[in-house]
């Protein structure tokens, strides 16, 4: 069988493909990234959000409306938290707080709550944000149990504990920046 001439003279296609696959950390990784971008990998959609955030940062575009829609209507809590992290990095903590305040059981899960509060806790506190977080925590009665769509449940005490932790972390970032960088363990 005669071999056909290369499609691009002077370029070894096999070597180029090898370089690109190593660039993407192997062919399996390249296929995974491709599947994530298509939204076919439901367990790793948050990585897609992070990957898109990196692309957007590199290109200098403002993709805040896209990430705000992922924050509000994302397919998984992890994707929503990844979108919240991007928005917080862009200085849009109020959009994250608005989304948090709009959530209520059964759509609010403890994992989503903790993720959004971790994002807000990593940002320096403002008086208005602390006030809004306290008001959010007051919506939940300590002894009440709240069911979620994912067949889980949490108590108002769990919510208030998470809110207190986020406020404390946020105050640390505002008032004691050196101590805020210490490990949590």
N, C-alpha and C. Protein backbone atom coordinates (compact mmCIF):
# COMPACT_ATOMS: atom_id res chain seq x y z
N UNK A 1 0.85 -1.17 0.00
CA UNK A 1 0.00 0.00 0.00
C UNK A 1 0.90 1.23 0.00
N UNK A 2 0.64 2.14 -0.92
CA UNK A 2 1.45 3.35 -1.03
C UNK A 2 1.00 4.36 0.01
N UNK A 3 1.98 5.01 0.60
CA UNK A 3 1.61 6.02 1.61
C UNK A 3 1.28 7.33 0.91
N UNK A 4 0.32 8.01 1.46
CA UNK A 4 -0.07 9.29 0.88
C UNK A 4 0.86 10.38 1.39
N UNK A 5 1.02 11.43 0.60
CA UNK A 5 1.91 12.51 1.04
C UNK A 5 1.32 13.20 2.28
N UNK A 6 2.17 13.74 3.14
CA UNK A 6 1.66 14.42 4.34
C UNK A 6 0.81 15.63 3.94
N UNK A 7 -0.24 15.93 4.76
CA UNK A 7 -1.12 17.03 4.41
C UNK A 7 -0.42 18.39 4.46
N UNK A 8 0.58 18.51 5.29
CA UNK A 8 1.34 19.76 5.39
C UNK A 8 2.81 19.44 5.19
N UNK A 9 3.35 19.72 4.01
CA UNK A 9 4.76 19.39 3.76
C UNK A 9 5.66 20.10 4.77
N UNK A 10 6.63 19.36 5.28
CA UNK A 10 7.57 19.94 6.23
C UNK A 10 7.11 19.81 7.68
N UNK A 11 5.89 19.32 7.90
CA UNK A 11 5.38 19.16 9.27
C UNK A 11 5.10 17.68 9.49
N UNK A 12 5.69 17.12 10.50
CA UNK A 12 5.42 15.73 10.86
C UNK A 12 4.17 15.71 11.73
N UNK A 13 3.06 15.26 11.16
CA UNK A 13 1.77 15.29 11.85
C UNK A 13 1.82 14.45 13.11
N UNK A 14 2.46 13.30 13.05
CA UNK A 14 2.55 12.45 14.25
C UNK A 14 3.29 13.13 15.38
N UNK A 15 4.38 13.81 15.05
CA UNK A 15 5.14 14.53 16.08
C UNK A 15 4.33 15.70 16.63
N UNK A 16 3.61 16.39 15.75
CA UNK A 16 2.79 17.52 16.20
C UNK A 16 1.68 17.03 17.14
N UNK A 17 1.02 15.92 16.76
CA UNK A 17 -0.03 15.37 17.61
C UNK A 17 0.53 14.90 18.95
N UNK A 18 1.72 14.32 18.92
CA UNK A 18 2.37 13.91 20.17
C UNK A 18 2.65 15.10 21.07
N UNK A 19 3.12 16.17 20.48
CA UNK A 19 3.39 17.39 21.24
C UNK A 19 2.11 17.94 21.85
N UNK A 20 1.05 17.97 21.05
CA UNK A 20 -0.22 18.50 21.55
C UNK A 20 -0.79 17.62 22.66
N UNK A 21 -0.67 16.31 22.52
CA UNK A 21 -1.20 15.43 23.56
C UNK A 21 -0.40 15.57 24.84
N UNK A 22 0.92 15.74 24.73
CA UNK A 22 1.72 15.98 25.94
C UNK A 22 1.37 17.33 26.55
N UNK A 23 1.10 18.30 25.69
CA UNK A 23 0.68 19.62 26.17
C UNK A 23 -0.59 19.51 27.00
N UNK A 24 -1.48 18.64 26.59
CA UNK A 24 -2.74 18.46 27.31
C UNK A 24 -2.62 17.34 28.35
N UNK A 25 -1.40 16.94 28.68
CA UNK A 25 -1.11 15.92 29.68
C UNK A 25 -1.62 14.55 29.27
N UNK A 26 -1.45 14.22 28.03
CA UNK A 26 -1.79 12.88 27.55
C UNK A 26 -3.09 12.85 26.79
N UNK A 27 -3.26 11.83 25.96
CA UNK A 27 -4.47 11.74 25.15
C UNK A 27 -5.74 11.56 25.97
N UNK A 28 -5.66 10.84 27.10
CA UNK A 28 -6.84 10.68 27.93
C UNK A 28 -7.30 12.02 28.49
N UNK A 29 -6.34 12.83 28.89
CA UNK A 29 -6.67 14.15 29.41
C UNK A 29 -7.27 15.03 28.32
N UNK A 30 -6.72 14.93 27.11
CA UNK A 30 -7.26 15.71 26.00
C UNK A 30 -8.70 15.32 25.71
N UNK A 31 -8.98 14.03 25.73
CA UNK A 31 -10.35 13.56 25.49
C UNK A 31 -11.28 13.99 26.61
N UNK A 32 -10.79 13.94 27.84
CA UNK A 32 -11.61 14.37 28.98
C UNK A 32 -11.95 15.85 28.88
N UNK A 33 -10.96 16.66 28.55
CA UNK A 33 -11.20 18.10 28.40
C UNK A 33 -12.21 18.35 27.30
N UNK A 34 -12.07 17.64 26.19
CA UNK A 34 -13.03 17.78 25.08
C UNK A 34 -14.43 17.40 25.53
N UNK A 35 -14.55 16.28 26.25
CA UNK A 35 -15.87 15.85 26.73
C UNK A 35 -16.43 16.83 27.75
N UNK A 36 -15.58 17.41 28.58
CA UNK A 36 -16.05 18.40 29.56
C UNK A 36 -16.58 19.64 28.86
N UNK A 37 -15.84 20.09 27.83
CA UNK A 37 -16.29 21.27 27.11
C UNK A 37 -17.63 21.04 26.43
N UNK A 38 -17.89 19.81 26.04
CA UNK A 38 -19.19 19.49 25.45
C UNK A 38 -20.26 19.27 26.52
N UNK A 39 -19.85 19.21 27.79
CA UNK A 39 -20.82 18.99 28.86
C UNK A 39 -21.22 17.54 29.02
N UNK A 40 -20.40 16.62 28.52
CA UNK A 40 -20.74 15.21 28.58
C UNK A 40 -20.30 14.55 29.88
N UNK A 41 -19.39 15.14 30.59
CA UNK A 41 -18.90 14.59 31.84
C UNK A 41 -19.59 15.30 33.00
N UNK A 42 -20.66 14.72 33.49
CA UNK A 42 -21.44 15.40 34.52
C UNK A 42 -20.69 15.49 35.83
N UNK A 43 -19.80 14.54 36.13
CA UNK A 43 -19.09 14.56 37.39
C UNK A 43 -18.01 15.63 37.43
N UNK A 44 -17.66 16.20 36.29
CA UNK A 44 -16.57 17.17 36.29
C UNK A 44 -16.95 18.46 35.58
N UNK A 45 -18.22 18.83 35.63
CA UNK A 45 -18.63 20.07 34.98
C UNK A 45 -18.01 21.29 35.64
N UNK A 46 -17.71 21.19 36.94
CA UNK A 46 -17.07 22.33 37.60
C UNK A 46 -15.70 22.60 37.01
N UNK A 47 -15.02 21.56 36.55
CA UNK A 47 -13.72 21.77 35.89
C UNK A 47 -13.90 22.53 34.59
N UNK A 48 -15.00 22.29 33.92
CA UNK A 48 -15.30 23.02 32.70
C UNK A 48 -15.44 24.49 33.01
N UNK A 49 -16.15 24.81 34.09
CA UNK A 49 -16.33 26.20 34.49
C UNK A 49 -14.98 26.83 34.80
N UNK A 50 -14.12 26.10 35.53
CA UNK A 50 -12.80 26.63 35.85
C UNK A 50 -11.96 26.81 34.59
N UNK A 51 -12.05 25.84 33.67
CA UNK A 51 -11.30 25.93 32.41
C UNK A 51 -11.77 27.13 31.60
N UNK A 52 -13.08 27.32 31.51
CA UNK A 52 -13.62 28.47 30.79
C UNK A 52 -13.19 29.77 31.45
N UNK A 53 -13.15 29.79 32.78
CA UNK A 53 -12.70 30.99 33.49
C UNK A 53 -11.25 31.31 33.13
N UNK A 54 -10.41 30.30 33.03
CA UNK A 54 -9.02 30.52 32.64
C UNK A 54 -8.93 31.07 31.21
N UNK A 55 -9.74 30.52 30.32
CA UNK A 55 -9.75 31.02 28.95
C UNK A 55 -10.20 32.47 28.89
N UNK A 56 -11.22 32.80 29.65
CA UNK A 56 -11.75 34.16 29.65
C UNK A 56 -10.73 35.12 30.21
N UNK A 57 -10.07 34.73 31.32
CA UNK A 57 -9.04 35.61 31.90
C UNK A 57 -7.92 35.85 30.90
N UNK A 58 -7.54 34.80 30.19
CA UNK A 58 -6.46 34.93 29.22
C UNK A 58 -6.82 35.80 28.04
N UNK A 59 -8.08 35.81 27.67
CA UNK A 59 -8.48 36.60 26.51
C UNK A 59 -8.91 38.02 26.86
N UNK A 60 -9.09 38.30 28.15
CA UNK A 60 -9.47 39.64 28.57
C UNK A 60 -10.93 39.98 28.37
N UNK A 61 -11.78 38.98 28.18
CA UNK A 61 -13.22 39.22 28.00
C UNK A 61 -13.92 39.34 29.34
N UNK A 62 -15.07 39.99 29.34
CA UNK A 62 -15.92 40.03 30.53
C UNK A 62 -17.02 39.00 30.35
N UNK A 63 -16.89 37.89 31.03
CA UNK A 63 -17.87 36.81 30.91
C UNK A 63 -18.74 36.71 32.15
N UNK A 64 -18.83 37.80 32.90
CA UNK A 64 -19.61 37.78 34.13
C UNK A 64 -21.06 37.35 33.92
N UNK A 65 -21.75 37.81 32.87
CA UNK A 65 -23.14 37.34 32.68
C UNK A 65 -23.23 35.82 32.51
N UNK A 66 -22.28 35.24 31.80
CA UNK A 66 -22.28 33.79 31.63
C UNK A 66 -22.12 33.10 32.99
N UNK A 67 -21.13 33.55 33.77
CA UNK A 67 -20.88 32.91 35.06
C UNK A 67 -22.01 33.18 36.06
N UNK A 68 -22.68 34.32 35.94
CA UNK A 68 -23.84 34.57 36.79
C UNK A 68 -24.97 33.59 36.47
N UNK A 69 -25.13 33.26 35.19
CA UNK A 69 -26.17 32.28 34.84
C UNK A 69 -25.78 30.88 35.33
N UNK A 70 -24.50 30.53 35.27
CA UNK A 70 -24.06 29.23 35.81
C UNK A 70 -24.26 29.22 37.32
N UNK A 71 -23.98 30.34 37.98
CA UNK A 71 -24.17 30.42 39.43
C UNK A 71 -25.62 30.17 39.81
N UNK A 72 -26.54 30.73 39.07
CA UNK A 72 -27.96 30.60 39.40
C UNK A 72 -28.59 29.31 38.91
N UNK A 73 -28.17 28.83 37.74
CA UNK A 73 -28.86 27.70 37.11
C UNK A 73 -27.93 26.55 36.75
N UNK A 74 -26.75 26.51 37.33
CA UNK A 74 -25.78 25.48 36.99
C UNK A 74 -26.28 24.08 37.25
N UNK A 75 -25.71 23.10 36.53
CA UNK A 75 -26.19 21.73 36.62
C UNK A 75 -25.82 21.02 37.93
N UNK A 76 -24.73 21.44 38.55
CA UNK A 76 -24.31 20.80 39.79
C UNK A 76 -23.90 21.88 40.80
N UNK A 77 -23.96 21.56 42.09
CA UNK A 77 -23.49 22.53 43.09
C UNK A 77 -22.03 22.90 42.88
N UNK A 78 -21.19 21.93 42.49
CA UNK A 78 -19.78 22.24 42.29
C UNK A 78 -19.57 23.24 41.16
N UNK A 79 -20.32 23.12 40.08
CA UNK A 79 -20.21 24.08 38.99
C UNK A 79 -20.68 25.46 39.44
N UNK A 80 -21.71 25.50 40.26
CA UNK A 80 -22.22 26.77 40.76
C UNK A 80 -21.20 27.45 41.68
N UNK A 81 -20.54 26.65 42.50
CA UNK A 81 -19.51 27.20 43.40
C UNK A 81 -18.30 27.68 42.59
N UNK A 82 -17.93 26.94 41.55
CA UNK A 82 -16.81 27.37 40.69
C UNK A 82 -17.14 28.70 40.01
N UNK A 83 -18.38 28.85 39.57
CA UNK A 83 -18.80 30.12 38.97
C UNK A 83 -18.78 31.23 40.01
N UNK A 84 -19.19 30.92 41.23
CA UNK A 84 -19.16 31.91 42.31
C UNK A 84 -17.73 32.35 42.61
N UNK A 85 -16.80 31.41 42.58
CA UNK A 85 -15.40 31.76 42.83
C UNK A 85 -14.88 32.70 41.75
N UNK A 86 -15.24 32.45 40.49
CA UNK A 86 -14.82 33.34 39.41
C UNK A 86 -15.39 34.74 39.64
N UNK A 87 -16.68 34.81 39.95
CA UNK A 87 -17.31 36.12 40.15
C UNK A 87 -16.70 36.87 41.33
N UNK A 88 -16.40 36.15 42.40
CA UNK A 88 -15.79 36.80 43.57
C UNK A 88 -14.41 37.35 43.22
N UNK A 89 -13.66 36.59 42.41
CA UNK A 89 -12.34 37.08 41.98
C UNK A 89 -12.46 38.36 41.15
N UNK A 90 -13.59 38.51 40.47
CA UNK A 90 -13.82 39.70 39.65
C UNK A 90 -14.42 40.84 40.46
N UNK A 91 -14.56 40.65 41.78
CA UNK A 91 -15.10 41.69 42.64
C UNK A 91 -16.63 41.73 42.66
N UNK A 92 -17.27 40.66 42.26
CA UNK A 92 -18.73 40.62 42.20
C UNK A 92 -19.29 39.74 43.32
N UNK A 93 -18.83 39.99 44.55
CA UNK A 93 -19.31 39.23 45.69
C UNK A 93 -20.80 39.42 45.91
N UNK A 94 -21.32 40.61 45.56
CA UNK A 94 -22.75 40.86 45.75
C UNK A 94 -23.60 39.94 44.87
N UNK A 95 -23.12 39.59 43.69
CA UNK A 95 -23.85 38.65 42.84
C UNK A 95 -23.91 37.27 43.49
N UNK A 96 -22.81 36.87 44.14
CA UNK A 96 -22.78 35.59 44.84
C UNK A 96 -23.74 35.64 46.02
N UNK A 97 -23.71 36.73 46.76
CA UNK A 97 -24.60 36.87 47.90
C UNK A 97 -26.07 36.93 47.47
N UNK A 98 -26.35 37.61 46.36
CA UNK A 98 -27.72 37.63 45.82
C UNK A 98 -28.21 36.22 45.50
N UNK A 99 -27.34 35.43 44.88
CA UNK A 99 -27.71 34.05 44.54
C UNK A 99 -27.94 33.23 45.80
N UNK A 100 -27.08 33.41 46.80
CA UNK A 100 -27.24 32.69 48.06
C UNK A 100 -28.56 33.06 48.73
N UNK A 101 -28.87 34.35 48.76
CA UNK A 101 -30.11 34.80 49.40
C UNK A 101 -31.35 34.31 48.65
N UNK A 102 -31.23 34.04 47.37
CA UNK A 102 -32.39 33.58 46.60
C UNK A 102 -32.67 32.10 46.81
N UNK A 103 -31.73 31.37 47.39
CA UNK A 103 -31.90 29.94 47.58
C UNK A 103 -32.66 29.63 48.87
N UNK A 104 -33.47 28.61 48.81
CA UNK A 104 -34.20 28.12 49.98
C UNK A 104 -34.40 26.63 49.81
N UNK A 105 -34.55 25.90 50.91
CA UNK A 105 -34.83 24.47 50.77
C UNK A 105 -36.12 24.29 50.00
N UNK A 106 -36.22 23.29 49.20
CA UNK A 106 -35.36 22.12 49.02
C UNK A 106 -34.25 22.31 48.00
N UNK A 107 -34.17 23.47 47.33
CA UNK A 107 -33.11 23.69 46.34
C UNK A 107 -31.77 24.01 46.98
N UNK A 108 -31.78 24.46 48.21
CA UNK A 108 -30.54 24.75 48.92
C UNK A 108 -30.06 23.47 49.59
N UNK A 109 -28.86 23.07 49.25
CA UNK A 109 -28.25 21.91 49.90
C UNK A 109 -27.12 22.41 50.79
N UNK A 110 -26.75 21.61 51.75
CA UNK A 110 -25.68 22.03 52.66
C UNK A 110 -24.35 22.16 51.91
N UNK A 111 -24.11 21.30 50.93
CA UNK A 111 -22.88 21.41 50.14
C UNK A 111 -22.81 22.70 49.35
N UNK A 112 -23.91 23.07 48.72
CA UNK A 112 -23.95 24.33 47.97
C UNK A 112 -23.81 25.51 48.91
N UNK A 113 -24.50 25.46 50.04
CA UNK A 113 -24.41 26.54 51.03
C UNK A 113 -22.98 26.73 51.50
N UNK A 114 -22.34 25.64 51.89
CA UNK A 114 -20.96 25.73 52.39
C UNK A 114 -20.01 26.22 51.29
N UNK A 115 -20.21 25.76 50.07
CA UNK A 115 -19.36 26.21 48.98
C UNK A 115 -19.48 27.70 48.71
N UNK A 116 -20.71 28.20 48.66
CA UNK A 116 -20.90 29.64 48.43
C UNK A 116 -20.38 30.46 49.61
N UNK A 117 -20.57 29.94 50.82
CA UNK A 117 -20.06 30.66 52.00
C UNK A 117 -18.54 30.63 52.04
N UNK A 118 -17.91 29.55 51.59
CA UNK A 118 -16.45 29.51 51.51
C UNK A 118 -15.93 30.57 50.54
N UNK A 119 -16.63 30.73 49.43
CA UNK A 119 -16.24 31.75 48.46
C UNK A 119 -16.35 33.14 49.08
N UNK A 120 -17.45 33.40 49.76
CA UNK A 120 -17.64 34.71 50.39
C UNK A 120 -16.70 34.91 51.56
N UNK A 121 -16.42 33.84 52.29
CA UNK A 121 -15.51 33.94 53.43
C UNK A 121 -14.08 34.24 53.03
N UNK A 122 -13.72 33.89 51.82
CA UNK A 122 -12.35 34.14 51.34
C UNK A 122 -12.14 35.58 50.90
N UNK A 123 -13.18 36.39 50.93
CA UNK A 123 -13.09 37.79 50.52
C UNK A 123 -13.13 38.68 51.76
N UNK A 124 -12.42 39.80 51.75
CA UNK A 124 -12.47 40.71 52.90
C UNK A 124 -13.90 41.18 53.19
N UNK A 125 -14.22 41.24 54.46
CA UNK A 125 -15.58 41.60 54.88
C UNK A 125 -15.90 43.06 54.64
N UNK A 126 -17.16 43.31 54.36
CA UNK A 126 -17.70 44.66 54.37
C UNK A 126 -18.87 44.64 55.35
N UNK A 127 -19.19 45.77 55.91
CA UNK A 127 -20.28 45.83 56.89
C UNK A 127 -21.60 45.38 56.26
N UNK A 128 -21.86 45.80 55.04
CA UNK A 128 -23.11 45.43 54.37
C UNK A 128 -23.19 43.93 54.13
N UNK A 129 -22.08 43.31 53.72
CA UNK A 129 -22.09 41.88 53.46
C UNK A 129 -22.28 41.09 54.75
N UNK A 130 -21.64 41.51 55.83
CA UNK A 130 -21.82 40.84 57.12
C UNK A 130 -23.28 40.95 57.56
N UNK A 131 -23.86 42.11 57.39
CA UNK A 131 -25.26 42.32 57.76
C UNK A 131 -26.18 41.41 56.94
N UNK A 132 -25.92 41.30 55.66
CA UNK A 132 -26.75 40.45 54.81
C UNK A 132 -26.58 38.97 55.15
N UNK A 133 -25.36 38.55 55.49
CA UNK A 133 -25.14 37.16 55.88
C UNK A 133 -25.85 36.84 57.19
N UNK A 134 -25.81 37.76 58.13
CA UNK A 134 -26.52 37.56 59.40
C UNK A 134 -28.02 37.45 59.15
N UNK A 135 -28.56 38.30 58.29
CA UNK A 135 -29.99 38.25 57.97
C UNK A 135 -30.32 36.92 57.28
N UNK A 136 -29.44 36.44 56.43
CA UNK A 136 -29.66 35.14 55.79
C UNK A 136 -29.71 34.03 56.84
N UNK A 137 -28.77 34.04 57.77
CA UNK A 137 -28.74 33.02 58.83
C UNK A 137 -29.97 33.04 59.71
N UNK A 138 -30.53 34.22 59.92
CA UNK A 138 -31.73 34.34 60.76
C UNK A 138 -32.97 33.71 60.12
N UNK A 139 -32.93 33.47 58.82
CA UNK A 139 -34.08 32.84 58.15
C UNK A 139 -34.28 31.40 58.59
N UNK A 140 -33.27 30.80 59.22
CA UNK A 140 -33.31 29.38 59.57
C UNK A 140 -33.37 29.24 61.09
N UNK A 141 -34.37 28.52 61.56
CA UNK A 141 -34.53 28.25 62.98
C UNK A 141 -33.54 27.16 63.39
N UNK A 142 -32.88 27.35 64.53
CA UNK A 142 -31.85 26.40 64.98
C UNK A 142 -32.32 24.96 65.02
N UNK A 143 -33.50 24.71 65.55
CA UNK A 143 -33.95 23.33 65.75
C UNK A 143 -34.71 22.75 64.56
N UNK A 144 -35.01 23.57 63.56
CA UNK A 144 -35.77 23.09 62.40
C UNK A 144 -34.90 22.23 61.49
N UNK A 145 -35.52 21.22 60.87
CA UNK A 145 -34.85 20.36 59.90
C UNK A 145 -35.37 20.72 58.52
N UNK A 146 -34.45 20.84 57.57
CA UNK A 146 -34.80 21.22 56.21
C UNK A 146 -34.39 20.10 55.25
N UNK A 147 -35.33 19.67 54.43
CA UNK A 147 -35.06 18.62 53.45
C UNK A 147 -34.57 19.25 52.15
N UNK A 148 -33.78 18.48 51.40
CA UNK A 148 -33.27 18.96 50.12
C UNK A 148 -33.73 18.05 48.99
N UNK A 149 -33.60 18.54 47.77
CA UNK A 149 -33.97 17.78 46.59
C UNK A 149 -33.12 16.51 46.48
N UNK A 150 -31.89 16.56 46.95
CA UNK A 150 -30.97 15.43 46.83
C UNK A 150 -31.15 14.41 47.94
N UNK A 151 -32.31 14.41 48.59
CA UNK A 151 -32.66 13.47 49.65
C UNK A 151 -31.81 13.65 50.90
N UNK A 152 -31.24 14.79 51.08
CA UNK A 152 -30.48 15.07 52.28
C UNK A 152 -31.27 16.00 53.18
N UNK A 153 -30.70 16.30 54.30
CA UNK A 153 -31.33 17.27 55.19
C UNK A 153 -30.27 17.95 56.02
N UNK A 154 -30.62 19.10 56.55
CA UNK A 154 -29.75 19.85 57.43
C UNK A 154 -30.62 20.60 58.41
N UNK A 155 -29.99 21.12 59.43
CA UNK A 155 -30.73 21.89 60.43
C UNK A 155 -30.37 23.37 60.31
N UNK A 156 -31.17 24.19 60.95
CA UNK A 156 -30.87 25.61 61.00
C UNK A 156 -29.56 25.87 61.71
N UNK A 157 -29.23 25.02 62.67
CA UNK A 157 -27.95 25.15 63.39
C UNK A 157 -26.78 24.95 62.43
N UNK A 158 -26.91 24.02 61.48
CA UNK A 158 -25.86 23.81 60.47
C UNK A 158 -25.66 25.06 59.62
N UNK A 159 -26.77 25.69 59.24
CA UNK A 159 -26.71 26.91 58.42
C UNK A 159 -26.03 28.02 59.21
N UNK A 160 -26.46 28.22 60.43
CA UNK A 160 -25.90 29.32 61.23
C UNK A 160 -24.42 29.09 61.53
N UNK A 161 -24.03 27.85 61.75
CA UNK A 161 -22.62 27.54 62.00
C UNK A 161 -21.80 27.88 60.75
N UNK A 162 -22.31 27.53 59.58
CA UNK A 162 -21.60 27.83 58.33
C UNK A 162 -21.52 29.33 58.09
N UNK A 163 -22.60 30.05 58.39
CA UNK A 163 -22.61 31.50 58.21
C UNK A 163 -21.62 32.15 59.17
N UNK A 164 -21.61 31.71 60.43
CA UNK A 164 -20.66 32.26 61.40
C UNK A 164 -19.22 32.04 60.94
N UNK A 165 -18.93 30.85 60.43
CA UNK A 165 -17.58 30.55 59.95
C UNK A 165 -17.18 31.44 58.78
N UNK A 166 -18.11 31.68 57.87
CA UNK A 166 -17.82 32.54 56.72
C UNK A 166 -17.58 33.98 57.15
N UNK A 167 -18.38 34.44 58.09
CA UNK A 167 -18.20 35.82 58.59
C UNK A 167 -16.85 35.94 59.29
N UNK A 168 -16.51 34.96 60.13
CA UNK A 168 -15.23 35.00 60.84
C UNK A 168 -14.06 34.99 59.86
N UNK A 169 -14.14 34.12 58.86
CA UNK A 169 -13.08 34.04 57.85
C UNK A 169 -12.96 35.36 57.08
N UNK A 170 -14.09 35.93 56.73
CA UNK A 170 -14.11 37.18 55.99
C UNK A 170 -13.53 38.33 56.81
N UNK A 171 -13.84 38.35 58.09
CA UNK A 171 -13.27 39.37 58.97
C UNK A 171 -11.76 39.20 59.12
N UNK A 172 -11.31 37.95 59.15
CA UNK A 172 -9.86 37.69 59.18
C UNK A 172 -9.19 38.25 57.93
N UNK A 173 -9.80 38.03 56.79
CA UNK A 173 -9.21 38.53 55.54
C UNK A 173 -9.18 40.05 55.51
N UNK A 174 -10.13 40.67 56.19
CA UNK A 174 -10.16 42.12 56.21
C UNK A 174 -9.18 42.68 57.24
N UNK A 175 -9.14 42.09 58.44
CA UNK A 175 -8.42 42.70 59.55
C UNK A 175 -7.07 42.07 59.87
N UNK A 176 -6.87 40.83 59.49
CA UNK A 176 -5.62 40.15 59.83
C UNK A 176 -5.17 39.32 58.64
N UNK A 177 -4.73 40.01 57.62
CA UNK A 177 -4.40 39.32 56.36
C UNK A 177 -3.31 38.27 56.52
N UNK A 178 -2.35 38.51 57.39
CA UNK A 178 -1.29 37.51 57.59
C UNK A 178 -1.87 36.24 58.21
N UNK A 179 -2.70 36.38 59.22
CA UNK A 179 -3.29 35.20 59.88
C UNK A 179 -4.27 34.47 58.95
N UNK A 180 -4.88 35.18 58.03
CA UNK A 180 -5.84 34.56 57.12
C UNK A 180 -5.18 33.56 56.18
N UNK A 181 -3.89 33.71 55.93
CA UNK A 181 -3.20 32.80 55.03
C UNK A 181 -2.70 31.54 55.72
N UNK A 182 -2.86 31.46 57.04
CA UNK A 182 -2.44 30.25 57.77
C UNK A 182 -3.35 29.09 57.41
N UNK A 183 -2.83 27.86 57.46
CA UNK A 183 -3.67 26.69 57.16
C UNK A 183 -4.82 26.57 58.17
N UNK A 184 -5.94 26.01 57.71
CA UNK A 184 -7.13 25.86 58.58
C UNK A 184 -7.01 24.70 59.53
N UNK A 185 -6.18 23.72 59.24
CA UNK A 185 -6.10 22.50 60.06
C UNK A 185 -5.47 22.74 61.40
